[in-house]
Amino acid sequence: MNWFDYIKEHLFILIVGFIIGIMFLLKGYEKTEINNKKQLVRYVIHGVLISMFITWLGFEIFHYLGLPYKLCVALGGGCAYLGTDYFTTILEKFIQKKIG
């Protein structure tokens, strides 16, 4: 595999993670109390970046197990969609604990 294929595959994984992050934001926006733009920006960044990370992490785990590429992307995206809410609440608690 040359470097172009490697970059193309991982860019596709990040795009899938970004789309799942947007879906997560749309799903949880009504439940979240956002009072100003700073909180909105933080909510968007956390949701999208965590979704992208979980998608990539799930892809790498399933790829290591030897599953086909498309299945690995789909399973990584599914893990991100189901797990982003959990990781976001943990990250929010950690940040609130550090800030005070």
PDB file of N, CA and C in Angstrom:
ATOM      1  N   MET A   1       0.858  -1.171   0.000  1.00  0.00           N
ATOM      2  CA  MET A   1       0.000   0.000   0.000  1.00  0.00           C
ATOM      3  C   MET A   1       0.905   1.234   0.000  1.00  0.00           C
ATOM      4  N   ASN A   2       0.661   2.137  -0.924  1.00  0.00           N
ATOM      5  CA  ASN A   2       1.453   3.360  -0.955  1.00  0.00           C
ATOM      6  C   ASN A   2       0.854   4.402  -0.008  1.00  0.00           C
ATOM      7  N   TRP A   3       1.560   5.509   0.140  1.00  0.00           N
ATOM      8  CA  TRP A   3       1.152   6.518   1.126  1.00  0.00           C
ATOM      9  C   TRP A   3      -0.155   7.189   0.748  1.00  0.00           C
ATOM     10  N   PHE A   4      -0.453   7.308  -0.551  1.00  0.00           N
ATOM     11  CA  PHE A   4      -1.703   7.949  -0.973  1.00  0.00           C
ATOM     12  C   PHE A   4      -2.915   7.134  -0.540  1.00  0.00           C
ATOM     13  N   ASP A   5      -2.848   5.811  -0.689  1.00  0.00           N
ATOM     14  CA  ASP A   5      -3.953   4.957  -0.250  1.00  0.00           C
ATOM     15  C   ASP A   5      -4.124   5.008   1.265  1.00  0.00           C
ATOM     16  N   TYR A   6      -3.006   5.041   1.975  1.00  0.00           N
ATOM     17  CA  TYR A   6      -3.052   5.120   3.434  1.00  0.00           C
ATOM     18  C   TYR A   6      -3.736   6.411   3.883  1.00  0.00           C
ATOM     19  N   ILE A   7      -3.341   7.539   3.283  1.00  0.00           N
ATOM     20  CA  ILE A   7      -3.942   8.841   3.625  1.00  0.00           C
ATOM     21  C   ILE A   7      -5.421   8.851   3.248  1.00  0.00           C
ATOM     22  N   LYS A   8      -5.740   8.302   2.086  1.00  0.00           N
ATOM     23  CA  LYS A   8      -7.125   8.286   1.615  1.00  0.00           C
ATOM     24  C   LYS A   8      -8.014   7.486   2.555  1.00  0.00           C
ATOM     25  N   GLU A   9      -7.546   6.328   3.013  1.00  0.00           N
ATOM     26  CA  GLU A   9      -8.342   5.516   3.938  1.00  0.00           C
ATOM     27  C   GLU A   9      -8.583   6.250   5.255  1.00  0.00           C
ATOM     28  N   HIS A  10      -7.549   6.832   5.811  1.00  0.00           N
ATOM     29  CA  HIS A  10      -7.705   7.499   7.103  1.00  0.00           C
ATOM     30  C   HIS A  10      -8.483   8.810   6.979  1.00  0.00           C
ATOM     31  N   LEU A  11      -8.382   9.475   5.858  1.00  0.00           N
ATOM     32  CA  LEU A  11      -9.201  10.662   5.642  1.00  0.00           C
ATOM     33  C   LEU A  11     -10.679  10.287   5.577  1.00  0.00           C
ATOM     34  N   PHE A  12     -10.980   9.158   4.931  1.00  0.00           N
ATOM     35  CA  PHE A  12     -12.356   8.675   4.889  1.00  0.00           C
ATOM     36  C   PHE A  12     -12.862   8.343   6.295  1.00  0.00           C
ATOM     37  N   ILE A  13     -12.020   7.769   7.116  1.00  0.00           N
ATOM     38  CA  ILE A  13     -12.401   7.453   8.497  1.00  0.00           C
ATOM     39  C   ILE A  13     -12.699   8.736   9.267  1.00  0.00           C
ATOM     40  N   LEU A  14     -11.887   9.764   9.069  1.00  0.00           N
ATOM     41  CA  LEU A  14     -12.125  11.038   9.754  1.00  0.00           C
ATOM     42  C   LEU A  14     -13.402  11.704   9.264  1.00  0.00           C
ATOM     43  N   ILE A  15     -13.700  11.583   7.982  1.00  0.00           N
ATOM     44  CA  ILE A  15     -14.947  12.147   7.452  1.00  0.00           C
ATOM     45  C   ILE A  15     -16.149  11.434   8.051  1.00  0.00           C
ATOM     46  N   VAL A  16     -16.074  10.109   8.133  1.00  0.00           N
ATOM     47  CA  VAL A  16     -17.164   9.347   8.762  1.00  0.00           C
ATOM     48  C   VAL A  16     -17.316   9.767  10.220  1.00  0.00           C
ATOM     49  N   GLY A  17     -16.214   9.917  10.932  1.00  0.00           N
ATOM     50  CA  GLY A  17     -16.265  10.374  12.321  1.00  0.00           C
ATOM     51  C   GLY A  17     -16.852  11.763  12.460  1.00  0.00           C
ATOM     52  N   PHE A  18     -16.536  12.655  11.518  1.00  0.00           N
ATOM     53  CA  PHE A  18     -17.087  14.003  11.541  1.00  0.00           C
ATOM     54  C   PHE A  18     -18.598  13.980  11.344  1.00  0.00           C
ATOM     55  N   ILE A  19     -19.066  13.183  10.382  1.00  0.00           N
ATOM     56  CA  ILE A  19     -20.510  13.079  10.135  1.00  0.00           C
ATOM     57  C   ILE A  19     -21.218  12.495  11.346  1.00  0.00           C
ATOM     58  N   ILE A  20     -20.625  11.502  11.969  1.00  0.00           N
ATOM     59  CA  ILE A  20     -21.231  10.914  13.165  1.00  0.00           C
ATOM     60  C   ILE A  20     -21.228  11.926  14.304  1.00  0.00           C
ATOM     61  N   GLY A  21     -20.189  12.745  14.397  1.00  0.00           N
ATOM     62  CA  GLY A  21     -20.155  13.799  15.405  1.00  0.00           C
ATOM     63  C   GLY A  21     -21.268  14.806  15.212  1.00  0.00           C
ATOM     64  N   ILE A  22     -21.533  15.186  13.962  1.00  0.00           N
ATOM     65  CA  ILE A  22     -22.642  16.100  13.673  1.00  0.00           C
ATOM     66  C   ILE A  22     -23.970  15.441  14.055  1.00  0.00           C
ATOM     67  N   MET A  23     -24.117  14.151  13.745  1.00  0.00           N
ATOM     68  CA  MET A  23     -25.345  13.434  14.119  1.00  0.00           C
ATOM     69  C   MET A  23     -25.509  13.404  15.636  1.00  0.00           C
ATOM     70  N   PHE A  24     -24.405  13.217  16.349  1.00  0.00           N
ATOM     71  CA  PHE A  24     -24.447  13.228  17.809  1.00  0.00           C
ATOM     72  C   PHE A  24     -24.889  14.592  18.330  1.00  0.00           C
ATOM     73  N   LEU A  25     -24.367  15.651  17.717  1.00  0.00           N
ATOM     74  CA  LEU A  25     -24.735  16.997  18.154  1.00  0.00           C
ATOM     75  C   LEU A  25     -26.215  17.265  17.930  1.00  0.00           C
ATOM     76  N   LEU A  26     -26.731  16.839  16.796  1.00  0.00           N
ATOM     77  CA  LEU A  26     -28.148  17.045  16.514  1.00  0.00           C
ATOM     78  C   LEU A  26     -29.036  16.237  17.454  1.00  0.00           C
ATOM     79  N   LYS A  27     -28.556  15.044  17.829  1.00  0.00           N
ATOM     80  CA  LYS A  27     -29.339  14.186  18.725  1.00  0.00           C
ATOM     81  C   LYS A  27     -29.387  14.748  20.147  1.00  0.00           C
ATOM     82  N   GLY A  28     -28.268  15.281  20.622  1.00  0.00           N
ATOM     83  CA  GLY A  28     -28.203  15.686  22.014  1.00  0.00           C
ATOM     84  C   GLY A  28     -28.341  17.163  22.273  1.00  0.00           C
ATOM     85  N   TYR A  29     -28.572  17.958  21.236  1.00  0.00           N
ATOM     86  CA  TYR A  29     -28.618  19.407  21.407  1.00  0.00           C
ATOM     87  C   TYR A  29     -29.784  19.845  22.282  1.00  0.00           C
ATOM     88  N   GLU A  30     -30.919  19.200  22.153  1.00  0.00           N
ATOM     89  CA  GLU A  30     -32.100  19.609  22.911  1.00  0.00           C
ATOM     90  C   GLU A  30     -31.952  19.315  24.402  1.00  0.00           C
ATOM     91  N   LYS A  31     -31.176  18.295  24.754  1.00  0.00           N
ATOM     92  CA  LYS A  31     -31.000  17.926  26.151  1.00  0.00           C
ATOM     93  C   LYS A  31     -29.945  18.775  26.857  1.00  0.00           C
ATOM     94  N   THR A  32     -29.132  19.483  26.088  1.00  0.00           N
ATOM     95  CA  THR A  32     -28.020  20.228  26.653  1.00  0.00           C
ATOM     96  C   THR A  32     -28.399  21.683  26.878  1.00  0.00           C
ATOM     97  N   GLU A  33     -28.021  22.187  28.045  1.00  0.00           N
ATOM     98  CA  GLU A  33     -28.254  23.594  28.344  1.00  0.00           C
ATOM     99  C   GLU A  33     -27.037  24.392  27.892  1.00  0.00           C
ATOM    100  N   ILE A  34     -27.220  25.209  26.863  1.00  0.00           N
ATOM    101  CA  ILE A  34     -26.145  26.041  26.348  1.00  0.00           C
ATOM    102  C   ILE A  34     -26.563  27.489  26.520  1.00  0.00           C
ATOM    103  N   ASN A  35     -25.780  28.230  27.319  1.00  0.00           N
ATOM    104  CA  ASN A  35     -26.143  29.598  27.650  1.00  0.00           C
ATOM    105  C   ASN A  35     -25.431  30.648  26.807  1.00  0.00           C
ATOM    106  N   ASN A  36     -24.233  30.340  26.306  1.00  0.00           N
ATOM    107  CA  ASN A  36     -23.496  31.323  25.513  1.00  0.00           C
ATOM    108  C   ASN A  36     -22.737  30.626  24.387  1.00  0.00           C
ATOM    109  N   LYS A  37     -22.065  31.432  23.567  1.00  0.00           N
ATOM    110  CA  LYS A  37     -21.361  30.882  22.402  1.00  0.00           C
ATOM    111  C   LYS A  37     -20.153  30.052  22.809  1.00  0.00           C
ATOM    112  N   LYS A  38     -19.522  30.394  23.925  1.00  0.00           N
ATOM    113  CA  LYS A  38     -18.362  29.634  24.383  1.00  0.00           C
ATOM    114  C   LYS A  38     -18.758  28.196  24.701  1.00  0.00           C
ATOM    115  N   GLN A  39     -19.883  28.016  25.363  1.00  0.00           N
ATOM    116  CA  GLN A  39     -20.360  26.668  25.662  1.00  0.00           C
ATOM    117  C   GLN A  39     -20.753  25.921  24.393  1.00  0.00           C
ATOM    118  N   LEU A  40     -21.334  26.626  23.427  1.00  0.00           N
ATOM    119  CA  LEU A  40     -21.710  26.002  22.163  1.00  0.00           C
ATOM    120  C   LEU A  40     -20.479  25.514  21.401  1.00  0.00           C
ATOM    121  N   VAL A  41     -19.443  26.355  21.339  1.00  0.00           N
ATOM    122  CA  VAL A  41     -18.212  25.967  20.649  1.00  0.00           C
ATOM    123  C   VAL A  41     -17.562  24.780  21.340  1.00  0.00           C
ATOM    124  N   ARG A  42     -17.528  24.793  22.654  1.00  0.00           N
ATOM    125  CA  ARG A  42     -16.951  23.673  23.404  1.00  0.00           C
ATOM    126  C   ARG A  42     -17.744  22.401  23.177  1.00  0.00           C
ATOM    127  N   TYR A  43     -19.062  22.506  23.139  1.00  0.00           N
ATOM    128  CA  TYR A  43     -19.927  21.348  22.908  1.00  0.00           C
ATOM    129  C   TYR A  43     -19.693  20.764  21.516  1.00  0.00           C
ATOM    130  N   VAL A  44     -19.575  21.621  20.518  1.00  0.00           N
ATOM    131  CA  VAL A  44     -19.349  21.161  19.146  1.00  0.00           C
ATOM    132  C   VAL A  44     -17.977  20.515  19.020  1.00  0.00           C
ATOM    133  N   ILE A  45     -16.955  21.149  19.568  1.00  0.00           N
ATOM    134  CA  ILE A  45     -15.601  20.600  19.456  1.00  0.00           C
ATOM    135  C   ILE A  45     -15.507  19.261  20.169  1.00  0.00           C
ATOM    136  N   HIS A  46     -16.035  19.165  21.369  1.00  0.00           N
ATOM    137  CA  HIS A  46     -15.989  17.895  22.096  1.00  0.00           C
ATOM    138  C   HIS A  46     -16.728  16.798  21.344  1.00  0.00           C
ATOM    139  N   GLY A  47     -17.924  17.100  20.894  1.00  0.00           N
ATOM    140  CA  GLY A  47     -18.729  16.084  20.216  1.00  0.00           C
ATOM    141  C   GLY A  47     -18.086  15.577  18.946  1.00  0.00           C
ATOM    142  N   VAL A  48     -17.584  16.483  18.121  1.00  0.00           N
ATOM    143  CA  VAL A  48     -17.010  16.083  16.834  1.00  0.00           C
ATOM    144  C   VAL A  48     -15.672  15.393  17.025  1.00  0.00           C
ATOM    145  N   LEU A  49     -14.794  15.950  17.844  1.00  0.00           N
ATOM    146  CA  LEU A  49     -13.474  15.344  18.016  1.00  0.00           C
ATOM    147  C   LEU A  49     -13.543  13.989  18.703  1.00  0.00           C
ATOM    148  N   ILE A  50     -14.406  13.856  19.677  1.00  0.00           N
ATOM    149  CA  ILE A  50     -14.533  12.561  20.342  1.00  0.00           C
ATOM    150  C   ILE A  50     -15.110  11.532  19.379  1.00  0.00           C
ATOM    151  N   SER A  51     -16.067  11.925  18.557  1.00  0.00           N
ATOM    152  CA  SER A  51     -16.618  10.993  17.563  1.00  0.00           C
ATOM    153  C   SER A  51     -15.562  10.565  16.563  1.00  0.00           C
ATOM    154  N   MET A  52     -14.749  11.507  16.114  1.00  0.00           N
ATOM    155  CA  MET A  52     -13.695  11.179  15.165  1.00  0.00           C
ATOM    156  C   MET A  52     -12.673  10.238  15.799  1.00  0.00           C
ATOM    157  N   PHE A  53     -12.315  10.501  17.047  1.00  0.00           N
ATOM    158  CA  PHE A  53     -11.343   9.653  17.728  1.00  0.00           C
ATOM    159  C   PHE A  53     -11.883   8.241  17.942  1.00  0.00           C
ATOM    160  N   ILE A  54     -13.116   8.128  18.385  1.00  0.00           N
ATOM    161  CA  ILE A  54     -13.687   6.803  18.631  1.00  0.00           C
ATOM    162  C   ILE A  54     -13.850   6.042  17.316  1.00  0.00           C
ATOM    163  N   THR A  55     -14.207   6.734  16.237  1.00  0.00           N
ATOM    164  CA  THR A  55     -14.302   6.081  14.934  1.00  0.00           C
ATOM    165  C   THR A  55     -12.946   5.533  14.515  1.00  0.00           C
ATOM    166  N   TRP A  56     -11.918   6.343  14.660  1.00  0.00           N
ATOM    167  CA  TRP A  56     -10.579   5.897  14.298  1.00  0.00           C
ATOM    168  C   TRP A  56     -10.121   4.742  15.180  1.00  0.00           C
ATOM    169  N   LEU A  57     -10.362   4.852  16.490  1.00  0.00           N
ATOM    170  CA  LEU A  57      -9.948   3.810  17.416  1.00  0.00           C
ATOM    171  C   LEU A  57     -10.675   2.498  17.126  1.00  0.00           C
ATOM    172  N   GLY A  58     -11.983   2.572  16.906  1.00  0.00           N
ATOM    173  CA  GLY A  58     -12.738   1.373  16.560  1.00  0.00           C
ATOM    174  C   GLY A  58     -12.266   0.766  15.255  1.00  0.00           C
ATOM    175  N   PHE A  59     -11.970   1.619  14.258  1.00  0.00           N
ATOM    176  CA  PHE A  59     -11.456   1.113  12.993  1.00  0.00           C
ATOM    177  C   PHE A  59     -10.153   0.353  13.195  1.00  0.00           C
ATOM    178  N   GLU A  60      -9.238   0.929  13.953  1.00  0.00           N
ATOM    179  CA  GLU A  60      -7.941   0.288  14.158  1.00  0.00           C
ATOM    180  C   GLU A  60      -8.087  -1.037  14.898  1.00  0.00           C
ATOM    181  N   ILE A  61      -8.968  -1.088  15.872  1.00  0.00           N
ATOM    182  CA  ILE A  61      -9.166  -2.340  16.608  1.00  0.00           C
ATOM    183  C   ILE A  61      -9.746  -3.413  15.704  1.00  0.00           C
ATOM    184  N   PHE A  62     -10.778  -3.071  14.950  1.00  0.00           N
ATOM    185  CA  PHE A  62     -11.393  -4.063  14.070  1.00  0.00           C
ATOM    186  C   PHE A  62     -10.478  -4.429  12.903  1.00  0.00           C
ATOM    187  N   HIS A  63      -9.676  -3.480  12.447  1.00  0.00           N
ATOM    188  CA  HIS A  63      -8.711  -3.777  11.378  1.00  0.00           C
ATOM    189  C   HIS A  63      -7.632  -4.728  11.889  1.00  0.00           C
ATOM    190  N   TYR A  64      -7.219  -4.552  13.140  1.00  0.00           N
ATOM    191  CA  TYR A  64      -6.236  -5.440  13.749  1.00  0.00           C
ATOM    192  C   TYR A  64      -6.778  -6.863  13.841  1.00  0.00           C
ATOM    193  N   LEU A  65      -8.077  -6.993  14.047  1.00  0.00           N
ATOM    194  CA  LEU A  65      -8.696  -8.318  14.126  1.00  0.00           C
ATOM    195  C   LEU A  65      -8.831  -8.985  12.761  1.00  0.00           C
ATOM    196  N   GLY A  66      -8.530  -8.259  11.699  1.00  0.00           N
ATOM    197  CA  GLY A  66      -8.517  -8.847  10.371  1.00  0.00           C
ATOM    198  C   GLY A  66      -9.809  -8.739   9.596  1.00  0.00           C
ATOM    199  N   LEU A  67     -10.696  -7.854   9.998  1.00  0.00           N
ATOM    200  CA  LEU A  67     -11.953  -7.680   9.273  1.00  0.00           C
ATOM    201  C   LEU A  67     -11.727  -6.836   8.021  1.00  0.00           C
ATOM    202  N   PRO A  68     -12.618  -6.936   7.036  1.00  0.00           N
ATOM    203  CA  PRO A  68     -12.468  -6.114   5.821  1.00  0.00           C
ATOM    204  C   PRO A  68     -12.582  -4.623   6.130  1.00  0.00           C
ATOM    205  N   TYR A  69     -11.986  -3.812   5.231  1.00  0.00           N
ATOM    206  CA  TYR A  69     -11.882  -2.364   5.440  1.00  0.00           C
ATOM    207  C   TYR A  69     -13.249  -1.703   5.639  1.00  0.00           C
ATOM    208  N   LYS A  70     -14.189  -1.970   4.756  1.00  0.00           N
ATOM    209  CA  LYS A  70     -15.498  -1.314   4.838  1.00  0.00           C
ATOM    210  C   LYS A  70     -16.245  -1.703   6.111  1.00  0.00           C
ATOM    211  N   LEU A  71     -16.119  -2.956   6.512  1.00  0.00           N
ATOM    212  CA  LEU A  71     -16.755  -3.398   7.752  1.00  0.00           C
ATOM    213  C   LEU A  71     -16.108  -2.731   8.958  1.00  0.00           C
ATOM    214  N   CYS A  72     -14.789  -2.562   8.907  1.00  0.00           N
ATOM    215  CA  CYS A  72     -14.090  -1.888  10.009  1.00  0.00           C
ATOM    216  C   CYS A  72     -14.552  -0.442  10.153  1.00  0.00           C
ATOM    217  N   VAL A  73     -14.731   0.240   9.034  1.00  0.00           N
ATOM    218  CA  VAL A  73     -15.199   1.635   9.078  1.00  0.00           C
ATOM    219  C   VAL A  73     -16.618   1.695   9.634  1.00  0.00           C
ATOM    220  N   ALA A  74     -17.471   0.783   9.178  1.00  0.00           N
ATOM    221  CA  ALA A  74     -18.859   0.780   9.650  1.00  0.00           C
ATOM    222  C   ALA A  74     -18.935   0.464  11.145  1.00  0.00           C
ATOM    223  N   LEU A  75     -18.186  -0.517  11.600  1.00  0.00           N
ATOM    224  CA  LEU A  75     -18.210  -0.853  13.025  1.00  0.00           C
ATOM    225  C   LEU A  75     -17.591   0.253  13.871  1.00  0.00           C
ATOM    226  N   GLY A  76     -16.534   0.876  13.380  1.00  0.00           N
ATOM    227  CA  GLY A  76     -15.942   2.014  14.098  1.00  0.00           C
ATOM    228  C   GLY A  76     -16.922   3.171  14.197  1.00  0.00           C
ATOM    229  N   GLY A  77     -17.658   3.430  13.109  1.00  0.00           N
ATOM    230  CA  GLY A  77     -18.674   4.481  13.140  1.00  0.00           C
ATOM    231  C   GLY A  77     -19.806   4.154  14.094  1.00  0.00           C
ATOM    232  N   GLY A  78     -20.205   2.893  14.133  1.00  0.00           N
ATOM    233  CA  GLY A  78     -21.248   2.480  15.073  1.00  0.00           C
ATOM    234  C   GLY A  78     -20.805   2.636  16.512  1.00  0.00           C
ATOM    235  N   CYS A  79     -19.574   2.254  16.789  1.00  0.00           N
ATOM    236  CA  CYS A  79     -19.035   2.449  18.142  1.00  0.00           C
ATOM    237  C   CYS A  79     -18.998   3.923  18.511  1.00  0.00           C
ATOM    238  N   ALA A  80     -18.637   4.755  17.548  1.00  0.00           N
ATOM    239  CA  ALA A  80     -18.572   6.197  17.820  1.00  0.00           C
ATOM    240  C   ALA A  80     -19.960   6.754  18.092  1.00  0.00           C
ATOM    241  N   TYR A  81     -20.937   6.336  17.310  1.00  0.00           N
ATOM    242  CA  TYR A  81     -22.286   6.877  17.494  1.00  0.00           C
ATOM    243  C   TYR A  81     -22.865   6.461  18.843  1.00  0.00           C
ATOM    244  N   LEU A  82     -22.623   5.230  19.246  1.00  0.00           N
ATOM    245  CA  LEU A  82     -23.163   4.757  20.515  1.00  0.00           C
ATOM    246  C   LEU A  82     -22.336   5.218  21.713  1.00  0.00           C
ATOM    247  N   GLY A  83     -21.028   5.403  21.518  1.00  0.00           N
ATOM    248  CA  GLY A  83     -20.162   5.692  22.647  1.00  0.00           C
ATOM    249  C   GLY A  83     -19.817   7.146  22.866  1.00  0.00           C
ATOM    250  N   THR A  84     -20.149   8.019  21.936  1.00  0.00           N
ATOM    251  CA  THR A  84     -19.775   9.424  22.069  1.00  0.00           C
ATOM    252  C   THR A  84     -20.458  10.073  23.264  1.00  0.00           C
ATOM    253  N   ASP A  85     -21.693   9.757  23.491  1.00  0.00           N
ATOM    254  CA  ASP A  85     -22.431  10.337  24.619  1.00  0.00           C
ATOM    255  C   ASP A  85     -21.756   9.972  25.938  1.00  0.00           C
ATOM    256  N   TYR A  86     -21.339   8.731  26.055  1.00  0.00           N
ATOM    257  CA  TYR A  86     -20.672   8.263  27.268  1.00  0.00           C
ATOM    258  C   TYR A  86     -19.353   8.995  27.488  1.00  0.00           C
ATOM    259  N   PHE A  87     -18.529   9.072  26.437  1.00  0.00           N
ATOM    260  CA  PHE A  87     -17.232   9.727  26.574  1.00  0.00           C
ATOM    261  C   PHE A  87     -17.360  11.229  26.778  1.00  0.00           C
ATOM    262  N   THR A  88     -18.380  11.836  26.201  1.00  0.00           N
ATOM    263  CA  THR A  88     -18.588  13.267  26.392  1.00  0.00           C
ATOM    264  C   THR A  88     -18.938  13.569  27.842  1.00  0.00           C
ATOM    265  N   THR A  89     -19.778  12.757  28.460  1.00  0.00           N
ATOM    266  CA  THR A  89     -20.115  12.993  29.866  1.00  0.00           C
ATOM    267  C   THR A  89     -18.895  12.806  30.759  1.00  0.00           C
ATOM    268  N   ILE A  90     -18.048  11.826  30.459  1.00  0.00           N
ATOM    269  CA  ILE A  90     -16.827  11.633  31.248  1.00  0.00           C
ATOM    270  C   ILE A  90     -15.895  12.826  31.081  1.00  0.00           C
ATOM    271  N   LEU A  91     -15.739  13.312  29.848  1.00  0.00           N
ATOM    272  CA  LEU A  91     -14.867  14.456  29.590  1.00  0.00           C
ATOM    273  C   LEU A  91     -15.402  15.721  30.252  1.00  0.00           C
ATOM    274  N   GLU A  92     -16.701  15.938  30.197  1.00  0.00           N
ATOM    275  CA  GLU A  92     -17.301  17.104  30.849  1.00  0.00           C
ATOM    276  C   GLU A  92     -17.059  17.066  32.362  1.00  0.00           C
ATOM    277  N   LYS A  93     -17.230  15.893  32.978  1.00  0.00           N
ATOM    278  CA  LYS A  93     -16.986  15.772  34.418  1.00  0.00           C
ATOM    279  C   LYS A  93     -15.526  16.037  34.753  1.00  0.00           C
ATOM    280  N   PHE A  94     -14.620  15.531  33.913  1.00  0.00           N
ATOM    281  CA  PHE A  94     -13.195  15.741  34.149  1.00  0.00           C
ATOM    282  C   PHE A  94     -12.831  17.219  34.051  1.00  0.00           C
ATOM    283  N   ILE A  95     -13.352  17.909  33.043  1.00  0.00           N
ATOM    284  CA  ILE A  95     -13.062  19.325  32.870  1.00  0.00           C
ATOM    285  C   ILE A  95     -13.645  20.141  34.015  1.00  0.00           C
ATOM    286  N   GLN A  96     -14.872  19.830  34.424  1.00  0.00           N
ATOM    287  CA  GLN A  96     -15.486  20.555  35.544  1.00  0.00           C
ATOM    288  C   GLN A  96     -14.705  20.315  36.830  1.00  0.00           C
ATOM    289  N   LYS A  97     -14.177  19.112  37.000  1.00  0.00           N
ATOM    290  CA  LYS A  97     -13.405  18.784  38.194  1.00  0.00           C
ATOM    291  C   LYS A  97     -12.089  19.581  38.211  1.00  0.00           C
ATOM    292  N   LYS A  98     -11.455  19.719  37.039  1.00  0.00           N
ATOM    293  CA  LYS A  98     -10.205  20.455  36.963  1.00  0.00           C
ATOM    294  C   LYS A  98     -10.401  21.958  37.098  1.00  0.00           C
ATOM    295  N   ILE A  99     -11.491  22.474  36.526  1.00  0.00           N
ATOM    296  CA  ILE A  99     -11.754  23.912  36.580  1.00  0.00           C
ATOM    297  C   ILE A  99     -12.200  24.329  37.977  1.00  0.00           C
ATOM    298  N   GLY A 100     -13.008  23.505  38.592  1.00  0.00           N
ATOM    299  CA  GLY A 100     -13.402  23.854  39.952  1.00  0.00           C
ATOM    300  C   GLY A 100     -14.804  23.695  40.174  1.00  0.00           C
TER     301      GLY A 100
END
